[in-house]
Amino acid sequence: MTETPRLAPGDMAPDFSLPTDTGETLSLKELRGRKVVLYAYPAAMTPGCTKQACDFRDSLASLQAAGYEVVGISPDKPVKLAQFRERDALTFPLVSDQDKSVLTAYGAYGEKQLYGKTVTGVIRSTFVLDEDGRVERALYNVKATGHVAKLRKDLGLA
């Protein structure tokens, strides 16, 4: 299995400017001065990704109170992200990385194990970025269920 290069604490987060679920463009530079939780998920409206997105939605107030902005990133088209946001009342931006270049730069796209087979796809990951755009935490192969609660605990928000 080929190892995808991964980010580590202290690295500068790769900048991006991507289309959102609302048809606008969101760039990481726009979020400077705020802490960011950027989470990568494989596909909108699938059971695991829905659970994770709803967990972030339900934890958004406490994350924002602690100064964190939440952004979800997947290779889905903006129109599918808009359907996902509508269906599940998601209240944070979802960005579309259809060519997977940003996901790859973050080490969140590559070979992974899925049901015992090696496949290429989105590696469910979460990145906590500081106000200057540096990586504080880079968490790879996270579980869809229970991850947000663990993240909140690790950030001292539980």
C-alpha atoms as a PDB file:
ATOM      1  CA  MET A   1       0.000   0.000   0.000  1.00  0.00           C
ATOM      2  CA  THR A   2       1.391   3.403  -0.965  1.00  0.00           C
ATOM      3  CA  GLU A   3       1.518   5.803   1.958  1.00  0.00           C
ATOM      4  CA  THR A   4      -0.131   9.157   1.321  1.00  0.00           C
ATOM      5  CA  PRO A   5       1.949  12.083   2.681  1.00  0.00           C
ATOM      6  CA  ARG A   6       0.295  13.350   5.835  1.00  0.00           C
ATOM      7  CA  LEU A   7       0.203  16.645   7.667  1.00  0.00           C
ATOM      8  CA  ALA A   8       1.601  16.959  11.176  1.00  0.00           C
ATOM      9  CA  PRO A   9       1.201  19.521  13.966  1.00  0.00           C
ATOM     10  CA  GLY A  10       3.130  22.684  13.108  1.00  0.00           C
ATOM     11  CA  ASP A  11       2.735  22.290   9.321  1.00  0.00           C
ATOM     12  CA  MET A  12       1.115  25.126   7.406  1.00  0.00           C
ATOM     13  CA  ALA A  13      -2.283  23.939   6.208  1.00  0.00           C
ATOM     14  CA  PRO A  14      -2.455  23.889   2.403  1.00  0.00           C
ATOM     15  CA  ASP A  15      -4.491  26.868   1.247  1.00  0.00           C
ATOM     16  CA  PHE A  16      -7.578  26.319  -0.854  1.00  0.00           C
ATOM     17  CA  SER A  17     -10.343  28.185  -2.587  1.00  0.00           C
ATOM     18  CA  LEU A  18     -13.285  25.873  -3.323  1.00  0.00           C
ATOM     19  CA  PRO A  19     -16.954  26.110  -4.293  1.00  0.00           C
ATOM     20  CA  THR A  20     -19.433  25.675  -1.455  1.00  0.00           C
ATOM     21  CA  ASP A  21     -22.876  24.165  -1.079  1.00  0.00           C
ATOM     22  CA  THR A  22     -24.348  27.683  -1.515  1.00  0.00           C
ATOM     23  CA  GLY A  23     -22.578  28.354  -4.828  1.00  0.00           C
ATOM     24  CA  GLU A  24     -20.076  30.756  -3.277  1.00  0.00           C
ATOM     25  CA  THR A  25     -16.339  30.213  -2.943  1.00  0.00           C
ATOM     26  CA  LEU A  26     -14.635  29.674   0.405  1.00  0.00           C
ATOM     27  CA  SER A  27     -10.905  30.066   0.851  1.00  0.00           C
ATOM     28  CA  LEU A  28      -8.851  29.148   3.863  1.00  0.00           C
ATOM     29  CA  LYS A  29      -7.389  32.671   3.846  1.00  0.00           C
ATOM     30  CA  GLU A  30     -10.890  34.045   4.587  1.00  0.00           C
ATOM     31  CA  LEU A  31     -10.860  32.079   7.841  1.00  0.00           C
ATOM     32  CA  ARG A  32      -7.506  33.425   9.108  1.00  0.00           C
ATOM     33  CA  GLY A  33      -7.809  34.843  12.588  1.00  0.00           C
ATOM     34  CA  ARG A  34     -10.195  32.042  13.556  1.00  0.00           C
ATOM     35  CA  LYS A  35      -9.544  28.455  14.531  1.00  0.00           C
ATOM     36  CA  VAL A  36     -10.877  25.967  11.996  1.00  0.00           C
ATOM     37  CA  VAL A  37     -12.002  22.358  12.203  1.00  0.00           C
ATOM     38  CA  LEU A  38     -11.762  21.046   8.641  1.00  0.00           C
ATOM     39  CA  TYR A  39     -13.112  17.551   8.270  1.00  0.00           C
ATOM     40  CA  ALA A  40     -12.855  15.348   5.197  1.00  0.00           C
ATOM     41  CA  TYR A  41     -15.572  12.805   4.484  1.00  0.00           C
ATOM     42  CA  PRO A  42     -16.090  10.398   1.571  1.00  0.00           C
ATOM     43  CA  ALA A  43     -19.635  11.103   0.336  1.00  0.00           C
ATOM     44  CA  ALA A  44     -22.598  13.279   1.230  1.00  0.00           C
ATOM     45  CA  MET A  45     -25.827  11.563   2.278  1.00  0.00           C
ATOM     46  CA  THR A  46     -24.263   8.203   3.100  1.00  0.00           C
ATOM     47  CA  PRO A  47     -25.041   6.804   6.578  1.00  0.00           C
ATOM     48  CA  GLY A  48     -21.620   7.359   8.193  1.00  0.00           C
ATOM     49  CA  CYS A  49     -21.089  10.782   6.653  1.00  0.00           C
ATOM     50  CA  THR A  50     -24.587  11.851   7.668  1.00  0.00           C
ATOM     51  CA  LYS A  51     -23.980  10.749  11.265  1.00  0.00           C
ATOM     52  CA  GLN A  52     -20.684  12.652  11.375  1.00  0.00           C
ATOM     53  CA  ALA A  53     -22.155  15.812   9.787  1.00  0.00           C
ATOM     54  CA  CYS A  54     -25.103  15.789  12.191  1.00  0.00           C
ATOM     55  CA  ASP A  55     -22.711  15.353  15.136  1.00  0.00           C
ATOM     56  CA  PHE A  56     -20.780  18.433  13.973  1.00  0.00           C
ATOM     57  CA  ARG A  57     -24.083  20.307  13.492  1.00  0.00           C
ATOM     58  CA  ASP A  58     -25.221  19.379  16.994  1.00  0.00           C
ATOM     59  CA  SER A  59     -21.857  20.431  18.482  1.00  0.00           C
ATOM     60  CA  LEU A  60     -21.479  23.600  16.429  1.00  0.00           C
ATOM     61  CA  ALA A  61     -22.604  26.032  19.139  1.00  0.00           C
ATOM     62  CA  SER A  62     -20.018  24.814  21.645  1.00  0.00           C
ATOM     63  CA  LEU A  63     -17.277  24.682  18.989  1.00  0.00           C
ATOM     64  CA  GLN A  64     -18.093  28.222  17.844  1.00  0.00           C
ATOM     65  CA  ALA A  65     -18.248  29.437  21.446  1.00  0.00           C
ATOM     66  CA  ALA A  66     -14.661  28.183  21.800  1.00  0.00           C
ATOM     67  CA  GLY A  67     -13.672  30.076  18.626  1.00  0.00           C
ATOM     68  CA  TYR A  68     -13.790  27.235  16.079  1.00  0.00           C
ATOM     69  CA  GLU A  69     -15.327  27.378  12.613  1.00  0.00           C
ATOM     70  CA  VAL A  70     -16.332  24.025  11.096  1.00  0.00           C
ATOM     71  CA  VAL A  71     -15.939  23.246   7.389  1.00  0.00           C
ATOM     72  CA  GLY A  72     -16.680  19.910   5.714  1.00  0.00           C
ATOM     73  CA  ILE A  73     -14.850  18.872   2.538  1.00  0.00           C
ATOM     74  CA  SER A  74     -15.674  16.072   0.106  1.00  0.00           C
ATOM     75  CA  PRO A  75     -15.393  15.352  -3.626  1.00  0.00           C
ATOM     76  CA  ASP A  76     -19.158  15.766  -4.051  1.00  0.00           C
ATOM     77  CA  LYS A  77     -20.520  18.356  -6.500  1.00  0.00           C
ATOM     78  CA  PRO A  78     -21.867  21.582  -4.928  1.00  0.00           C
ATOM     79  CA  VAL A  79     -25.456  20.657  -5.908  1.00  0.00           C
ATOM     80  CA  LYS A  80     -25.217  17.395  -3.928  1.00  0.00           C
ATOM     81  CA  LEU A  81     -23.703  19.282  -0.984  1.00  0.00           C
ATOM     82  CA  ALA A  82     -26.660  21.695  -1.097  1.00  0.00           C
ATOM     83  CA  GLN A  83     -29.077  18.737  -0.980  1.00  0.00           C
ATOM     84  CA  PHE A  84     -27.123  17.311   1.983  1.00  0.00           C
ATOM     85  CA  ARG A  85     -27.236  20.671   3.814  1.00  0.00           C
ATOM     86  CA  GLU A  86     -30.975  21.017   3.172  1.00  0.00           C
ATOM     87  CA  ARG A  87     -31.873  17.446   4.061  1.00  0.00           C
ATOM     88  CA  ASP A  88     -29.959  17.410   7.342  1.00  0.00           C
ATOM     89  CA  ALA A  89     -30.238  21.115   8.308  1.00  0.00           C
ATOM     90  CA  LEU A  90     -26.453  21.515   8.306  1.00  0.00           C
ATOM     91  CA  THR A  91     -25.399  24.956   9.491  1.00  0.00           C
ATOM     92  CA  PHE A  92     -21.731  25.096   8.495  1.00  0.00           C
ATOM     93  CA  PRO A  93     -20.097  25.343   5.059  1.00  0.00           C
ATOM     94  CA  LEU A  94     -19.493  22.282   2.899  1.00  0.00           C
ATOM     95  CA  VAL A  95     -16.841  22.659   0.198  1.00  0.00           C
ATOM     96  CA  SER A  96     -16.490  20.657  -3.004  1.00  0.00           C
ATOM     97  CA  ASP A  97     -13.093  19.282  -4.038  1.00  0.00           C
ATOM     98  CA  GLN A  98     -14.130  17.395  -7.169  1.00  0.00           C
ATOM     99  CA  ASP A  99     -10.586  16.908  -8.471  1.00  0.00           C
ATOM    100  CA  LYS A 100      -9.447  15.812  -4.978  1.00  0.00           C
ATOM    101  CA  SER A 101      -6.361  18.062  -5.137  1.00  0.00           C
ATOM    102  CA  VAL A 102      -7.009  19.661  -1.742  1.00  0.00           C
ATOM    103  CA  LEU A 103      -7.907  16.332  -0.139  1.00  0.00           C
ATOM    104  CA  THR A 104      -4.650  14.927  -1.542  1.00  0.00           C
ATOM    105  CA  ALA A 105      -2.632  17.916  -0.258  1.00  0.00           C
ATOM    106  CA  TYR A 106      -4.037  17.262   3.229  1.00  0.00           C
ATOM    107  CA  GLY A 107      -3.228  13.544   3.001  1.00  0.00           C
ATOM    108  CA  ALA A 108      -6.946  12.773   3.107  1.00  0.00           C
ATOM    109  CA  TYR A 109      -7.152  11.039  -0.265  1.00  0.00           C
ATOM    110  CA  GLY A 110      -5.291   7.881  -1.180  1.00  0.00           C
ATOM    111  CA  GLU A 111      -5.144   4.181  -0.505  1.00  0.00           C
ATOM    112  CA  LYS A 112      -7.097   2.870   2.459  1.00  0.00           C
ATOM    113  CA  GLN A 113      -8.539  -0.352   3.752  1.00  0.00           C
ATOM    114  CA  LEU A 114     -12.253  -0.860   3.175  1.00  0.00           C
ATOM    115  CA  TYR A 115     -13.794  -4.151   4.256  1.00  0.00           C
ATOM    116  CA  GLY A 116     -10.397  -5.832   4.039  1.00  0.00           C
ATOM    117  CA  LYS A 117      -9.606  -4.551   0.540  1.00  0.00           C
ATOM    118  CA  THR A 118      -7.190  -1.843  -0.500  1.00  0.00           C
ATOM    119  CA  VAL A 119      -9.078   0.920  -2.308  1.00  0.00           C
ATOM    120  CA  THR A 120      -8.356   4.507  -3.291  1.00  0.00           C
ATOM    121  CA  GLY A 121     -10.666   7.110  -1.821  1.00  0.00           C
ATOM    122  CA  VAL A 122     -11.236   9.786   0.781  1.00  0.00           C
ATOM    123  CA  ILE A 123      -9.614   8.965   4.111  1.00  0.00           C
ATOM    124  CA  ARG A 124     -11.998  10.218   6.799  1.00  0.00           C
ATOM    125  CA  SER A 125      -9.875  12.836   8.545  1.00  0.00           C
ATOM    126  CA  THR A 126     -10.122  15.915  10.749  1.00  0.00           C
ATOM    127  CA  PHE A 127      -7.727  18.849  10.899  1.00  0.00           C
ATOM    128  CA  VAL A 128      -7.678  21.446  13.648  1.00  0.00           C
ATOM    129  CA  LEU A 129      -6.039  24.636  12.384  1.00  0.00           C
ATOM    130  CA  ASP A 130      -4.940  27.617  14.449  1.00  0.00           C
ATOM    131  CA  GLU A 131      -5.661  31.278  13.687  1.00  0.00           C
ATOM    132  CA  ASP A 132      -2.562  31.495  11.473  1.00  0.00           C
ATOM    133  CA  GLY A 133      -3.475  28.438   9.379  1.00  0.00           C
ATOM    134  CA  ARG A 134      -1.067  26.030  11.079  1.00  0.00           C
ATOM    135  CA  VAL A 135      -2.070  22.467  11.827  1.00  0.00           C
ATOM    136  CA  GLU A 136      -2.657  21.867  15.545  1.00  0.00           C
ATOM    137  CA  ARG A 137      -4.034  18.355  15.055  1.00  0.00           C
ATOM    138  CA  ALA A 138      -4.174  16.044  12.056  1.00  0.00           C
ATOM    139  CA  LEU A 139      -6.385  13.030  12.749  1.00  0.00           C
ATOM    140  CA  TYR A 140      -6.582  10.334  10.080  1.00  0.00           C
ATOM    141  CA  ASN A 141      -8.853   7.285   9.712  1.00  0.00           C
ATOM    142  CA  VAL A 142     -11.294   8.648  12.267  1.00  0.00           C
ATOM    143  CA  LYS A 143     -14.585   6.884  12.918  1.00  0.00           C
ATOM    144  CA  ALA A 144     -17.802   8.526  11.743  1.00  0.00           C
ATOM    145  CA  THR A 145     -19.571   7.688  14.991  1.00  0.00           C
ATOM    146  CA  GLY A 146     -18.238   9.159  18.220  1.00  0.00           C
ATOM    147  CA  HIS A 147     -15.471  11.177  16.578  1.00  0.00           C
ATOM    148  CA  VAL A 148     -16.962  14.623  17.269  1.00  0.00           C
ATOM    149  CA  ALA A 149     -17.475  13.789  20.954  1.00  0.00           C
ATOM    150  CA  LYS A 150     -13.861  12.608  21.202  1.00  0.00           C
ATOM    151  CA  LEU A 151     -12.625  15.719  19.382  1.00  0.00           C
ATOM    152  CA  ARG A 152     -14.585  17.983  21.743  1.00  0.00           C
ATOM    153  CA  LYS A 153     -13.090  16.141  24.721  1.00  0.00           C
ATOM    154  CA  ASP A 154      -9.551  16.439  23.269  1.00  0.00           C
ATOM    155  CA  LEU A 155     -10.119  20.185  22.728  1.00  0.00           C
ATOM    156  CA  GLY A 156     -11.336  20.553  26.326  1.00  0.00           C
ATOM    157  CA  LEU A 157     -14.936  21.289  25.297  1.00  0.00           C
ATOM    158  CA  ALA A 158     -16.676  18.162  26.601  1.00  0.00           C
END
